[in-house]
Amino acid sequence: MKFTVILLALVGFTAAAEPAVKPVKISLYYESLCPDSRAFVLTQLAPTYEKLAAHLTLDLVPFGNVNVTHASNSSTPRFACQHGPAECYGNIAEACVIAHQPPAAALSFVQCMFLGVHRAVDSWKDTHFNAEACANLLFSNWGSTDLKKCIDGPEGEKLIEANWKKTEALKPKHTGVPWILVNEAVHTPEMQRQAQFSLKDYLCKEHFSKANLLECMA
């Protein structure tokens, strides 16, 4: 998977035709350093969105299995991410891009973060380096936009706090990540299994079967 593919896909997403059927909403609750979240984005969500972009809307929620505490006499939450501070930084970086970029561009950024710019085995885990490198690769203006200000400032903190509340509000409660919802329907283990491991087939069968979409036949 090459960055040229990411960039070409990004161009294709923005030029996608108007949907002929009602879009299906994919909500993904995930963590920036979770291997299972990574596998889902790279092998399922990104390829599926590339084919069905005109018929999908995305709701990406980076937070996941974070331990939340409060200091005494303070209402400000403290977040301890499952995979450490690097994951907290990755979550904030991705939350800021999601807030400031269109969905297709945000997904390309998340995809780039999960790939890692250097492509060494564990290079994707260096969220500080990859956030800047991916922003420069996709947007060409890491230092001159609101992105870095968002990550380093109060906006990023507010976005993560909002993602925490959104994650906590899930019913049923999430038991792991990636946690996938389709059209905000009640989450079930069977839906999760099908969507996580064969997203395009699941969507085409359960949501687009009557539409005869050419994208589903490819």
N, C-alpha and C. Protein backbone atom coordinates (compact mmCIF):
# COMPACT_ATOMS: atom_id res chain seq x y z
N MET A 1 0.86 -1.19 0.00
CA MET A 1 0.00 0.00 0.00
C MET A 1 0.89 1.23 0.00
N LYS A 2 0.78 2.10 -1.00
CA LYS A 2 1.68 3.22 -1.16
C LYS A 2 0.97 4.53 -0.87
N PHE A 3 1.77 5.54 -0.52
CA PHE A 3 1.17 6.83 -0.22
C PHE A 3 0.55 7.44 -1.45
N THR A 4 1.05 7.07 -2.64
CA THR A 4 0.41 7.56 -3.86
C THR A 4 -1.02 7.06 -3.93
N VAL A 5 -1.24 5.85 -3.43
CA VAL A 5 -2.60 5.32 -3.39
C VAL A 5 -3.47 6.16 -2.48
N ILE A 6 -2.91 6.53 -1.33
CA ILE A 6 -3.66 7.36 -0.40
C ILE A 6 -4.04 8.68 -1.05
N LEU A 7 -3.08 9.31 -1.72
CA LEU A 7 -3.33 10.61 -2.31
C LEU A 7 -4.32 10.52 -3.45
N LEU A 8 -4.18 9.49 -4.28
CA LEU A 8 -5.13 9.31 -5.37
C LEU A 8 -6.51 9.01 -4.83
N ALA A 9 -6.56 8.22 -3.78
CA ALA A 9 -7.86 7.91 -3.18
C ALA A 9 -8.50 9.16 -2.63
N LEU A 10 -7.68 10.01 -2.01
CA LEU A 10 -8.20 11.26 -1.45
C LEU A 10 -8.81 12.12 -2.54
N VAL A 11 -8.15 12.22 -3.69
CA VAL A 11 -8.69 12.98 -4.80
C VAL A 11 -9.99 12.36 -5.28
N GLY A 12 -10.00 11.01 -5.35
CA GLY A 12 -11.20 10.33 -5.81
C GLY A 12 -12.37 10.52 -4.88
N PHE A 13 -12.08 10.54 -3.56
CA PHE A 13 -13.15 10.72 -2.59
C PHE A 13 -13.84 12.06 -2.78
N THR A 14 -13.05 13.11 -2.95
CA THR A 14 -13.63 14.43 -3.02
C THR A 14 -14.41 14.63 -4.30
N ALA A 15 -14.10 13.80 -5.32
CA ALA A 15 -14.79 13.95 -6.59
C ALA A 15 -15.93 12.95 -6.75
N ALA A 16 -16.24 12.22 -5.66
CA ALA A 16 -17.26 11.18 -5.75
C ALA A 16 -18.61 11.78 -6.15
N ALA A 17 -19.34 10.98 -6.91
CA ALA A 17 -20.64 11.44 -7.39
C ALA A 17 -21.64 11.48 -6.24
N GLU A 18 -22.70 12.22 -6.43
CA GLU A 18 -23.76 12.27 -5.44
C GLU A 18 -24.39 10.88 -5.29
N PRO A 19 -24.66 10.45 -4.08
CA PRO A 19 -25.20 9.11 -3.89
C PRO A 19 -26.60 8.98 -4.46
N ALA A 20 -26.85 7.82 -5.05
CA ALA A 20 -28.16 7.54 -5.62
C ALA A 20 -29.06 6.87 -4.60
N VAL A 21 -28.48 6.42 -3.49
CA VAL A 21 -29.24 5.77 -2.43
C VAL A 21 -28.90 6.48 -1.12
N LYS A 22 -29.73 6.25 -0.12
CA LYS A 22 -29.50 6.88 1.17
C LYS A 22 -28.17 6.41 1.76
N PRO A 23 -27.30 7.34 2.14
CA PRO A 23 -25.99 6.95 2.67
C PRO A 23 -26.12 6.14 3.96
N VAL A 24 -25.19 5.26 4.16
CA VAL A 24 -25.10 4.46 5.38
C VAL A 24 -24.01 5.06 6.25
N LYS A 25 -24.31 5.24 7.52
CA LYS A 25 -23.36 5.84 8.45
C LYS A 25 -22.53 4.77 9.15
N ILE A 26 -21.22 4.90 9.03
CA ILE A 26 -20.30 4.00 9.73
C ILE A 26 -19.67 4.78 10.87
N SER A 27 -19.91 4.33 12.09
CA SER A 27 -19.30 4.94 13.27
C SER A 27 -18.21 4.01 13.78
N LEU A 28 -17.00 4.54 13.93
CA LEU A 28 -15.88 3.74 14.39
C LEU A 28 -15.29 4.35 15.66
N TYR A 29 -15.34 3.59 16.73
CA TYR A 29 -14.71 3.95 18.00
C TYR A 29 -13.42 3.14 18.09
N TYR A 30 -12.28 3.85 18.23
CA TYR A 30 -11.00 3.15 18.08
C TYR A 30 -9.91 3.87 18.86
N GLU A 31 -8.70 3.27 18.83
CA GLU A 31 -7.51 3.86 19.44
C GLU A 31 -6.41 3.97 18.40
N SER A 32 -5.59 4.99 18.53
CA SER A 32 -4.56 5.24 17.51
C SER A 32 -3.42 4.23 17.52
N LEU A 33 -3.23 3.49 18.61
CA LEU A 33 -2.17 2.48 18.66
C LEU A 33 -2.69 1.07 18.90
N CYS A 34 -3.97 0.86 18.65
CA CYS A 34 -4.55 -0.48 18.81
C CYS A 34 -4.31 -1.30 17.54
N PRO A 35 -3.64 -2.45 17.63
CA PRO A 35 -3.41 -3.27 16.44
C PRO A 35 -4.70 -3.70 15.74
N ASP A 36 -5.74 -4.02 16.51
CA ASP A 36 -6.99 -4.43 15.88
C ASP A 36 -7.68 -3.26 15.18
N SER A 37 -7.61 -2.07 15.77
CA SER A 37 -8.14 -0.88 15.11
C SER A 37 -7.37 -0.63 13.81
N ARG A 38 -6.07 -0.78 13.88
CA ARG A 38 -5.21 -0.60 12.71
C ARG A 38 -5.59 -1.56 11.59
N ALA A 39 -5.75 -2.83 11.94
CA ALA A 39 -6.10 -3.82 10.93
C ALA A 39 -7.44 -3.51 10.29
N PHE A 40 -8.40 -3.06 11.09
CA PHE A 40 -9.72 -2.76 10.54
C PHE A 40 -9.66 -1.58 9.58
N VAL A 41 -8.97 -0.52 9.97
CA VAL A 41 -8.90 0.66 9.10
C VAL A 41 -8.18 0.32 7.80
N LEU A 42 -7.05 -0.37 7.88
CA LEU A 42 -6.24 -0.62 6.68
C LEU A 42 -6.82 -1.69 5.76
N THR A 43 -7.44 -2.72 6.33
CA THR A 43 -7.91 -3.83 5.48
C THR A 43 -9.40 -3.79 5.18
N GLN A 44 -10.16 -3.02 5.96
CA GLN A 44 -11.61 -3.01 5.76
C GLN A 44 -12.16 -1.60 5.48
N LEU A 45 -11.97 -0.68 6.42
CA LEU A 45 -12.64 0.62 6.29
C LEU A 45 -12.10 1.42 5.10
N ALA A 46 -10.78 1.58 4.99
CA ALA A 46 -10.23 2.39 3.90
C ALA A 46 -10.55 1.80 2.52
N PRO A 47 -10.34 0.50 2.29
CA PRO A 47 -10.69 -0.05 0.96
C PRO A 47 -12.19 0.02 0.67
N THR A 48 -13.01 -0.20 1.69
CA THR A 48 -14.46 -0.14 1.49
C THR A 48 -14.91 1.28 1.18
N TYR A 49 -14.34 2.24 1.89
CA TYR A 49 -14.70 3.64 1.63
C TYR A 49 -14.26 4.07 0.24
N GLU A 50 -13.13 3.55 -0.20
CA GLU A 50 -12.66 3.89 -1.54
C GLU A 50 -13.66 3.46 -2.61
N LYS A 51 -14.32 2.32 -2.39
CA LYS A 51 -15.29 1.81 -3.37
C LYS A 51 -16.68 2.40 -3.18
N LEU A 52 -17.07 2.67 -1.93
CA LEU A 52 -18.45 3.05 -1.64
C LEU A 52 -18.58 4.46 -1.08
N ALA A 53 -17.58 5.30 -1.30
CA ALA A 53 -17.54 6.63 -0.68
C ALA A 53 -18.81 7.42 -0.91
N ALA A 54 -19.37 7.33 -2.11
CA ALA A 54 -20.55 8.13 -2.43
C ALA A 54 -21.78 7.70 -1.64
N HIS A 55 -21.71 6.54 -1.03
CA HIS A 55 -22.87 5.99 -0.34
C HIS A 55 -22.66 5.83 1.16
N LEU A 56 -21.56 6.41 1.67
CA LEU A 56 -21.23 6.27 3.09
C LEU A 56 -20.98 7.62 3.74
N THR A 57 -21.29 7.71 5.02
CA THR A 57 -20.83 8.82 5.85
C THR A 57 -20.02 8.21 7.00
N LEU A 58 -19.04 8.96 7.46
CA LEU A 58 -18.13 8.45 8.48
C LEU A 58 -18.24 9.24 9.77
N ASP A 59 -18.13 8.52 10.87
CA ASP A 59 -18.06 9.14 12.20
C ASP A 59 -16.90 8.45 12.92
N LEU A 60 -15.73 9.09 12.91
CA LEU A 60 -14.52 8.51 13.50
C LEU A 60 -14.31 9.09 14.89
N VAL A 61 -14.17 8.19 15.88
CA VAL A 61 -14.09 8.62 17.28
C VAL A 61 -12.85 8.01 17.93
N PRO A 62 -11.71 8.69 17.86
CA PRO A 62 -10.52 8.17 18.53
C PRO A 62 -10.56 8.42 20.04
N PHE A 63 -10.59 7.34 20.78
CA PHE A 63 -10.53 7.41 22.24
C PHE A 63 -10.25 6.01 22.78
N GLY A 64 -11.27 5.16 22.78
CA GLY A 64 -11.06 3.75 23.11
C GLY A 64 -11.05 3.44 24.58
N ASN A 65 -10.12 2.54 24.96
CA ASN A 65 -10.06 2.02 26.32
C ASN A 65 -9.13 2.87 27.17
N VAL A 66 -9.59 4.04 27.53
CA VAL A 66 -8.78 5.00 28.28
C VAL A 66 -9.22 5.00 29.74
N ASN A 67 -8.24 5.00 30.64
CA ASN A 67 -8.54 5.12 32.06
C ASN A 67 -8.70 6.59 32.41
N VAL A 68 -9.87 6.95 32.90
CA VAL A 68 -10.18 8.35 33.19
C VAL A 68 -10.24 8.57 34.69
N THR A 69 -9.48 9.53 35.18
CA THR A 69 -9.48 9.87 36.60
C THR A 69 -9.64 11.38 36.75
N HIS A 70 -9.91 11.79 37.96
CA HIS A 70 -10.01 13.23 38.26
C HIS A 70 -9.13 13.53 39.47
N ALA A 71 -8.38 14.61 39.39
CA ALA A 71 -7.59 15.05 40.54
C ALA A 71 -8.54 15.55 41.62
N SER A 72 -8.10 15.48 42.85
CA SER A 72 -8.94 15.98 43.94
C SER A 72 -9.24 17.45 43.74
N ASN A 73 -10.47 17.81 44.02
CA ASN A 73 -10.94 19.20 43.90
C ASN A 73 -10.84 19.74 42.47
N SER A 74 -10.96 18.84 41.49
CA SER A 74 -10.90 19.27 40.10
C SER A 74 -11.89 18.46 39.28
N SER A 75 -12.57 19.14 38.37
CA SER A 75 -13.50 18.45 37.49
C SER A 75 -12.85 18.11 36.15
N THR A 76 -11.59 18.50 36.00
CA THR A 76 -10.88 18.23 34.74
C THR A 76 -10.44 16.77 34.70
N PRO A 77 -10.84 16.02 33.67
CA PRO A 77 -10.46 14.61 33.61
C PRO A 77 -9.00 14.43 33.22
N ARG A 78 -8.42 13.35 33.71
CA ARG A 78 -7.07 12.95 33.31
C ARG A 78 -7.19 11.64 32.54
N PHE A 79 -6.51 11.57 31.40
CA PHE A 79 -6.64 10.40 30.53
C PHE A 79 -5.33 9.61 30.50
N ALA A 80 -5.41 8.33 30.81
CA ALA A 80 -4.27 7.42 30.70
C ALA A 80 -4.62 6.39 29.63
N CYS A 81 -4.00 6.52 28.48
CA CYS A 81 -4.37 5.67 27.35
C CYS A 81 -3.82 4.25 27.50
N GLN A 82 -4.50 3.32 26.90
CA GLN A 82 -4.17 1.90 27.05
C GLN A 82 -2.74 1.61 26.60
N HIS A 83 -2.30 2.27 25.54
CA HIS A 83 -0.96 2.02 25.00
C HIS A 83 0.00 3.18 25.29
N GLY A 84 -0.30 3.96 26.31
CA GLY A 84 0.63 4.96 26.77
C GLY A 84 0.45 6.34 26.17
N PRO A 85 1.35 7.28 26.55
CA PRO A 85 1.23 8.67 26.10
C PRO A 85 1.26 8.84 24.59
N ALA A 86 2.00 8.00 23.88
CA ALA A 86 2.04 8.12 22.42
C ALA A 86 0.67 7.90 21.81
N GLU A 87 -0.11 7.02 22.41
CA GLU A 87 -1.47 6.80 21.92
C GLU A 87 -2.36 8.00 22.23
N CYS A 88 -2.21 8.58 23.41
CA CYS A 88 -2.99 9.78 23.72
C CYS A 88 -2.69 10.89 22.72
N TYR A 89 -1.42 11.03 22.35
CA TYR A 89 -1.06 12.06 21.37
C TYR A 89 -1.68 11.73 20.01
N GLY A 90 -1.61 10.46 19.62
CA GLY A 90 -2.21 10.06 18.35
C GLY A 90 -3.70 10.29 18.33
N ASN A 91 -4.36 9.98 19.44
CA ASN A 91 -5.81 10.22 19.52
C ASN A 91 -6.14 11.70 19.34
N ILE A 92 -5.36 12.57 20.00
CA ILE A 92 -5.62 14.00 19.89
C ILE A 92 -5.34 14.49 18.47
N ALA A 93 -4.22 14.04 17.89
CA ALA A 93 -3.89 14.46 16.52
C ALA A 93 -5.00 14.08 15.55
N GLU A 94 -5.49 12.85 15.68
CA GLU A 94 -6.53 12.40 14.77
C GLU A 94 -7.86 13.11 15.05
N ALA A 95 -8.15 13.36 16.31
CA ALA A 95 -9.37 14.11 16.64
C ALA A 95 -9.33 15.50 16.03
N CYS A 96 -8.16 16.12 16.05
CA CYS A 96 -8.04 17.48 15.49
C CYS A 96 -8.21 17.46 13.97
N VAL A 97 -7.63 16.48 13.31
CA VAL A 97 -7.79 16.38 11.86
C VAL A 97 -9.25 16.10 11.51
N ILE A 98 -9.88 15.22 12.26
CA ILE A 98 -11.30 14.90 12.02
C ILE A 98 -12.15 16.15 12.18
N ALA A 99 -11.79 17.02 13.12
CA ALA A 99 -12.56 18.24 13.36
C ALA A 99 -12.31 19.30 12.29
N HIS A 100 -11.13 19.29 11.67
CA HIS A 100 -10.74 20.38 10.78
C HIS A 100 -10.73 20.00 9.30
N GLN A 101 -10.88 18.72 8.98
CA GLN A 101 -10.81 18.29 7.59
C GLN A 101 -12.09 17.54 7.20
N PRO A 102 -12.41 17.47 5.90
CA PRO A 102 -13.55 16.67 5.46
C PRO A 102 -13.32 15.19 5.80
N PRO A 103 -14.40 14.41 5.87
CA PRO A 103 -14.26 13.00 6.27
C PRO A 103 -13.26 12.20 5.45
N ALA A 104 -13.25 12.38 4.13
CA ALA A 104 -12.33 11.62 3.29
C ALA A 104 -10.88 11.96 3.62
N ALA A 105 -10.60 13.24 3.82
CA ALA A 105 -9.24 13.66 4.17
C ALA A 105 -8.86 13.14 5.55
N ALA A 106 -9.81 13.18 6.48
CA ALA A 106 -9.54 12.68 7.83
C ALA A 106 -9.22 11.19 7.80
N LEU A 107 -9.98 10.42 7.01
CA LEU A 107 -9.71 8.99 6.91
C LEU A 107 -8.34 8.75 6.29
N SER A 108 -7.96 9.53 5.30
CA SER A 108 -6.63 9.39 4.70
C SER A 108 -5.54 9.65 5.74
N PHE A 109 -5.77 10.62 6.61
CA PHE A 109 -4.80 10.91 7.67
C PHE A 109 -4.71 9.74 8.65
N VAL A 110 -5.84 9.22 9.07
CA VAL A 110 -5.84 8.07 9.99
C VAL A 110 -5.15 6.87 9.33
N GLN A 111 -5.42 6.66 8.06
CA GLN A 111 -4.79 5.58 7.32
C GLN A 111 -3.27 5.78 7.28
N CYS A 112 -2.84 6.99 7.01
CA CYS A 112 -1.41 7.31 6.99
C CYS A 112 -0.77 7.07 8.35
N MET A 113 -1.44 7.47 9.42
CA MET A 113 -0.92 7.25 10.77
C MET A 113 -0.76 5.76 11.06
N PHE A 114 -1.71 4.97 10.64
CA PHE A 114 -1.64 3.53 10.89
C PHE A 114 -0.60 2.84 10.01
N LEU A 115 -0.32 3.39 8.84
CA LEU A 115 0.71 2.82 7.98
C LEU A 115 2.10 3.16 8.52
N GLY A 116 2.28 4.39 8.98
CA GLY A 116 3.60 4.86 9.38
C GLY A 116 4.39 5.30 8.16
N VAL A 117 4.97 6.48 8.22
CA VAL A 117 5.63 7.03 7.05
C VAL A 117 6.88 6.25 6.67
N HIS A 118 7.65 5.78 7.65
CA HIS A 118 8.90 5.08 7.34
C HIS A 118 8.68 3.62 6.94
N ARG A 119 7.54 3.07 7.26
CA ARG A 119 7.17 1.70 6.91
C ARG A 119 8.02 0.62 7.58
N ALA A 120 8.84 0.96 8.55
CA ALA A 120 9.49 -0.07 9.35
C ALA A 120 8.41 -0.75 10.17
N VAL A 121 8.76 -1.89 10.75
CA VAL A 121 7.76 -2.73 11.40
C VAL A 121 6.93 -1.95 12.42
N ASP A 122 7.57 -1.20 13.28
CA ASP A 122 6.85 -0.49 14.34
C ASP A 122 6.82 1.02 14.14
N SER A 123 7.12 1.50 12.95
CA SER A 123 7.20 2.94 12.75
C SER A 123 5.84 3.63 12.93
N TRP A 124 4.76 2.88 12.74
CA TRP A 124 3.43 3.47 12.91
C TRP A 124 3.14 3.86 14.36
N LYS A 125 3.94 3.33 15.27
CA LYS A 125 3.72 3.62 16.69
C LYS A 125 4.31 4.96 17.12
N ASP A 126 5.10 5.59 16.26
CA ASP A 126 5.68 6.90 16.56
C ASP A 126 4.67 7.97 16.15
N THR A 127 3.69 8.21 17.00
CA THR A 127 2.59 9.10 16.63
C THR A 127 3.03 10.54 16.50
N HIS A 128 4.02 10.98 17.26
CA HIS A 128 4.48 12.36 17.15
C HIS A 128 5.09 12.60 15.77
N PHE A 129 5.97 11.73 15.35
CA PHE A 129 6.58 11.89 14.03
C PHE A 129 5.55 11.76 12.92
N ASN A 130 4.72 10.74 13.00
CA ASN A 130 3.78 10.47 11.91
C ASN A 130 2.71 11.53 11.79
N ALA A 131 2.30 12.13 12.90
CA ALA A 131 1.29 13.19 12.83
C ALA A 131 1.79 14.33 11.96
N GLU A 132 3.03 14.77 12.20
CA GLU A 132 3.59 15.86 11.40
C GLU A 132 3.85 15.42 9.97
N ALA A 133 4.42 14.22 9.81
CA ALA A 133 4.77 13.74 8.47
C ALA A 133 3.52 13.52 7.63
N CYS A 134 2.50 12.94 8.22
CA CYS A 134 1.26 12.68 7.47
C CYS A 134 0.55 13.98 7.12
N ALA A 135 0.57 14.94 8.04
CA ALA A 135 -0.05 16.24 7.76
C ALA A 135 0.67 16.94 6.61
N ASN A 136 2.00 16.89 6.62
CA ASN A 136 2.76 17.51 5.54
C ASN A 136 2.53 16.77 4.22
N LEU A 137 2.42 15.46 4.28
CA LEU A 137 2.20 14.68 3.07
C LEU A 137 0.83 14.94 2.46
N LEU A 138 -0.19 15.01 3.30
CA LEU A 138 -1.56 15.12 2.80
C LEU A 138 -2.04 16.56 2.66
N PHE A 139 -1.57 17.42 3.57
CA PHE A 139 -2.08 18.79 3.60
C PHE A 139 -1.01 19.85 3.31
N SER A 140 0.27 19.45 3.38
CA SER A 140 1.41 20.30 3.04
C SER A 140 1.55 21.54 3.90
N ASN A 141 0.98 21.52 5.09
CA ASN A 141 1.05 22.76 5.89
C ASN A 141 0.89 22.49 7.39
N TRP A 142 1.65 21.57 7.91
CA TRP A 142 1.57 21.22 9.33
C TRP A 142 1.70 22.43 10.25
N GLY A 143 2.71 23.24 10.02
CA GLY A 143 2.99 24.32 10.96
C GLY A 143 2.17 25.58 10.74
N SER A 144 1.55 25.70 9.57
CA SER A 144 0.89 26.97 9.26
C SER A 144 -0.63 26.93 9.39
N THR A 145 -1.16 25.82 9.83
CA THR A 145 -2.61 25.71 9.97
C THR A 145 -2.98 25.61 11.44
N ASP A 146 -4.26 25.40 11.68
CA ASP A 146 -4.75 25.27 13.05
C ASP A 146 -4.50 23.88 13.63
N LEU A 147 -3.97 22.96 12.84
CA LEU A 147 -3.83 21.58 13.31
C LEU A 147 -2.90 21.47 14.51
N LYS A 148 -1.69 21.98 14.38
CA LYS A 148 -0.74 21.87 15.49
C LYS A 148 -1.24 22.65 16.71
N LYS A 149 -1.85 23.81 16.47
CA LYS A 149 -2.41 24.58 17.58
C LYS A 149 -3.49 23.78 18.29
N CYS A 150 -4.28 23.05 17.52
CA CYS A 150 -5.34 22.22 18.10
C CYS A 150 -4.73 21.12 18.96
N ILE A 151 -3.72 20.44 18.42
CA ILE A 151 -3.11 19.33 19.14
C ILE A 151 -2.47 19.78 20.44
N ASP A 152 -1.78 20.90 20.39
CA ASP A 152 -1.02 21.36 21.55
C ASP A 152 -1.82 22.24 22.51
N GLY A 153 -3.03 22.59 22.13
CA GLY A 153 -3.79 23.54 22.93
C GLY A 153 -5.08 23.00 23.51
N PRO A 154 -5.90 23.87 24.02
CA PRO A 154 -7.14 23.47 24.69
C PRO A 154 -8.16 22.85 23.75
N GLU A 155 -8.11 23.18 22.46
CA GLU A 155 -9.10 22.59 21.55
C GLU A 155 -8.95 21.08 21.50
N GLY A 156 -7.71 20.60 21.40
CA GLY A 156 -7.49 19.16 21.37
C GLY A 156 -7.99 18.48 22.63
N GLU A 157 -7.77 19.12 23.77
CA GLU A 157 -8.25 18.56 25.04
C GLU A 157 -9.77 18.48 25.05
N LYS A 158 -10.42 19.52 24.53
CA LYS A 158 -11.88 19.52 24.50
C LYS A 158 -12.42 18.45 23.55
N LEU A 159 -11.74 18.25 22.43
CA LEU A 159 -12.19 17.23 21.48
C LEU A 159 -12.07 15.83 22.09
N ILE A 160 -10.98 15.57 22.81
CA ILE A 160 -10.81 14.27 23.44
C ILE A 160 -11.83 14.07 24.56
N GLU A 161 -12.10 15.13 25.30
CA GLU A 161 -13.12 15.02 26.34
C GLU A 161 -14.49 14.72 25.73
N ALA A 162 -14.78 15.34 24.58
CA ALA A 162 -16.05 15.05 23.89
C ALA A 162 -16.08 13.61 23.41
N ASN A 163 -14.95 13.10 22.92
CA ASN A 163 -14.89 11.70 22.47
C ASN A 163 -15.05 10.74 23.65
N TRP A 164 -14.52 11.13 24.80
CA TRP A 164 -14.71 10.32 26.01
C TRP A 164 -16.20 10.22 26.34
N LYS A 165 -16.88 11.34 26.37
CA LYS A 165 -18.30 11.35 26.71
C LYS A 165 -19.11 10.57 25.67
N LYS A 166 -18.73 10.70 24.42
CA LYS A 166 -19.43 9.99 23.36
C LYS A 166 -19.22 8.48 23.50
N THR A 167 -18.00 8.10 23.83
CA THR A 167 -17.70 6.67 24.02
C THR A 167 -18.42 6.13 25.25
N GLU A 168 -18.43 6.90 26.32
CA GLU A 168 -19.10 6.47 27.55
C GLU A 168 -20.61 6.33 27.36
N ALA A 169 -21.16 7.07 26.41
CA ALA A 169 -22.61 7.05 26.19
C ALA A 169 -23.07 5.85 25.35
N LEU A 170 -22.14 5.06 24.85
CA LEU A 170 -22.51 3.91 24.03
C LEU A 170 -23.38 2.93 24.81
N LYS A 171 -24.43 2.45 24.15
CA LYS A 171 -25.30 1.43 24.72
C LYS A 171 -25.54 0.35 23.67
N PRO A 172 -25.10 -0.87 23.97
CA PRO A 172 -24.38 -1.32 25.16
C PRO A 172 -22.98 -0.71 25.23
N LYS A 173 -22.40 -0.76 26.42
CA LYS A 173 -21.05 -0.24 26.61
C LYS A 173 -20.07 -1.00 25.72
N HIS A 174 -19.10 -0.27 25.20
CA HIS A 174 -18.10 -0.95 24.37
C HIS A 174 -17.23 -1.84 25.26
N THR A 175 -16.85 -2.96 24.73
CA THR A 175 -16.02 -3.92 25.46
C THR A 175 -14.64 -4.05 24.84
N GLY A 176 -14.39 -3.31 23.79
CA GLY A 176 -13.09 -3.35 23.12
C GLY A 176 -13.13 -2.44 21.91
N VAL A 177 -12.01 -2.37 21.23
CA VAL A 177 -11.93 -1.61 19.98
C VAL A 177 -11.22 -2.47 18.93
N PRO A 178 -11.57 -2.27 17.67
CA PRO A 178 -12.54 -1.30 17.15
C PRO A 178 -13.97 -1.68 17.54
N TRP A 179 -14.77 -0.67 17.79
CA TRP A 179 -16.20 -0.85 18.09
C TRP A 179 -16.96 -0.17 16.96
N ILE A 180 -17.75 -0.95 16.25
CA ILE A 180 -18.34 -0.49 15.00
C ILE A 180 -19.85 -0.41 15.13
N LEU A 181 -20.41 0.71 14.68
CA LEU A 181 -21.85 0.87 14.58
C LEU A 181 -22.21 1.20 13.14
N VAL A 182 -23.32 0.66 12.67
CA VAL A 182 -23.80 0.94 11.32
C VAL A 182 -25.18 1.57 11.43
N ASN A 183 -25.30 2.80 10.92
CA ASN A 183 -26.56 3.56 11.03
C ASN A 183 -27.02 3.71 12.47
N GLU A 184 -26.05 3.71 13.40
CA GLU A 184 -26.34 3.90 14.82
C GLU A 184 -27.33 2.88 15.36
N ALA A 185 -27.40 1.74 14.72
CA ALA A 185 -28.27 0.66 15.21
C ALA A 185 -27.68 0.07 16.48
N VAL A 186 -28.49 -0.66 17.21
CA VAL A 186 -28.02 -1.32 18.42
C VAL A 186 -26.90 -2.29 18.06
N HIS A 187 -25.81 -2.18 18.77
CA HIS A 187 -24.65 -3.02 18.51
C HIS A 187 -24.93 -4.47 18.90
N THR A 188 -24.55 -5.40 18.03
CA THR A 188 -24.65 -6.82 18.33
C THR A 188 -23.33 -7.50 17.99
N PRO A 189 -23.00 -8.59 18.67
CA PRO A 189 -21.75 -9.30 18.36
C PRO A 189 -21.69 -9.77 16.91
N GLU A 190 -22.82 -10.21 16.36
CA GLU A 190 -22.82 -10.70 14.98
C GLU A 190 -22.56 -9.57 13.99
N MET A 191 -23.20 -8.43 14.21
CA MET A 191 -22.94 -7.28 13.35
C MET A 191 -21.47 -6.87 13.44
N GLN A 192 -20.94 -6.83 14.64
CA GLN A 192 -19.53 -6.48 14.84
C GLN A 192 -18.63 -7.44 14.07
N ARG A 193 -18.90 -8.73 14.20
CA ARG A 193 -18.05 -9.73 13.54
C ARG A 193 -18.06 -9.54 12.02
N GLN A 194 -19.25 -9.41 11.46
CA GLN A 194 -19.35 -9.28 10.01
C GLN A 194 -18.73 -7.98 9.52
N ALA A 195 -19.00 -6.89 10.21
CA ALA A 195 -18.47 -5.60 9.78
C ALA A 195 -16.95 -5.52 9.96
N GLN A 196 -16.45 -6.09 11.03
CA GLN A 196 -15.02 -5.98 11.32
C GLN A 196 -14.17 -6.78 10.34
N PHE A 197 -14.67 -7.90 9.88
CA PHE A 197 -13.83 -8.77 9.06
C PHE A 197 -14.24 -8.84 7.59
N SER A 198 -15.39 -8.27 7.25
CA SER A 198 -15.81 -8.26 5.84
C SER A 198 -16.78 -7.11 5.63
N LEU A 199 -16.29 -5.89 5.82
CA LEU A 199 -17.15 -4.72 5.86
C LEU A 199 -17.90 -4.50 4.55
N LYS A 200 -17.22 -4.54 3.43
CA LYS A 200 -17.88 -4.28 2.15
C LYS A 200 -18.97 -5.31 1.88
N ASP A 201 -18.68 -6.58 2.10
CA ASP A 201 -19.68 -7.62 1.87
C ASP A 201 -20.88 -7.42 2.79
N TYR A 202 -20.61 -7.07 4.04
CA TYR A 202 -21.70 -6.84 4.99
C TYR A 202 -22.59 -5.70 4.54
N LEU A 203 -21.99 -4.58 4.17
CA LEU A 203 -22.78 -3.42 3.74
C LEU A 203 -23.57 -3.72 2.48
N CYS A 204 -22.93 -4.37 1.53
CA CYS A 204 -23.62 -4.67 0.27
C CYS A 204 -24.78 -5.63 0.48
N LYS A 205 -24.61 -6.58 1.37
CA LYS A 205 -25.66 -7.56 1.62
C LYS A 205 -26.79 -7.00 2.48
N GLU A 206 -26.42 -6.30 3.56
CA GLU A 206 -27.42 -5.88 4.54
C GLU A 206 -28.02 -4.50 4.27
N HIS A 207 -27.33 -3.66 3.51
CA HIS A 207 -27.80 -2.28 3.35
C HIS A 207 -27.98 -1.84 1.89
N PHE A 208 -27.28 -2.49 0.97
CA PHE A 208 -27.36 -2.06 -0.42
C PHE A 208 -27.85 -3.15 -1.37
N SER A 209 -28.38 -4.22 -0.83
CA SER A 209 -28.75 -5.36 -1.67
C SER A 209 -29.83 -5.01 -2.69
N LYS A 210 -30.72 -4.06 -2.35
CA LYS A 210 -31.80 -3.70 -3.26
C LYS A 210 -31.43 -2.56 -4.21
N ALA A 211 -30.25 -1.99 -4.01
CA ALA A 211 -29.85 -0.85 -4.82
C ALA A 211 -29.10 -1.24 -6.09
N ASN A 212 -28.63 -2.50 -6.14
CA ASN A 212 -27.89 -2.97 -7.31
C ASN A 212 -26.70 -2.06 -7.64
N LEU A 213 -25.96 -1.68 -6.62
CA LEU A 213 -24.82 -0.81 -6.83
C LEU A 213 -23.71 -1.53 -7.58
N LEU A 214 -23.18 -0.87 -8.60
CA LEU A 214 -22.07 -1.46 -9.33
C LEU A 214 -20.87 -1.64 -8.42
N GLU A 215 -20.71 -0.74 -7.45
CA GLU A 215 -19.58 -0.85 -6.52
C GLU A 215 -19.65 -2.12 -5.70
N CYS A 216 -20.84 -2.63 -5.45
CA CYS A 216 -20.98 -3.86 -4.68
C CYS A 216 -20.72 -5.10 -5.55
N MET A 217 -20.81 -4.93 -6.84
CA MET A 217 -20.61 -6.07 -7.73
C MET A 217 -19.15 -6.22 -8.13
N ALA A 218 -18.35 -5.21 -7.83
CA ALA A 218 -16.94 -5.26 -8.24
C ALA A 218 -16.14 -6.16 -7.31
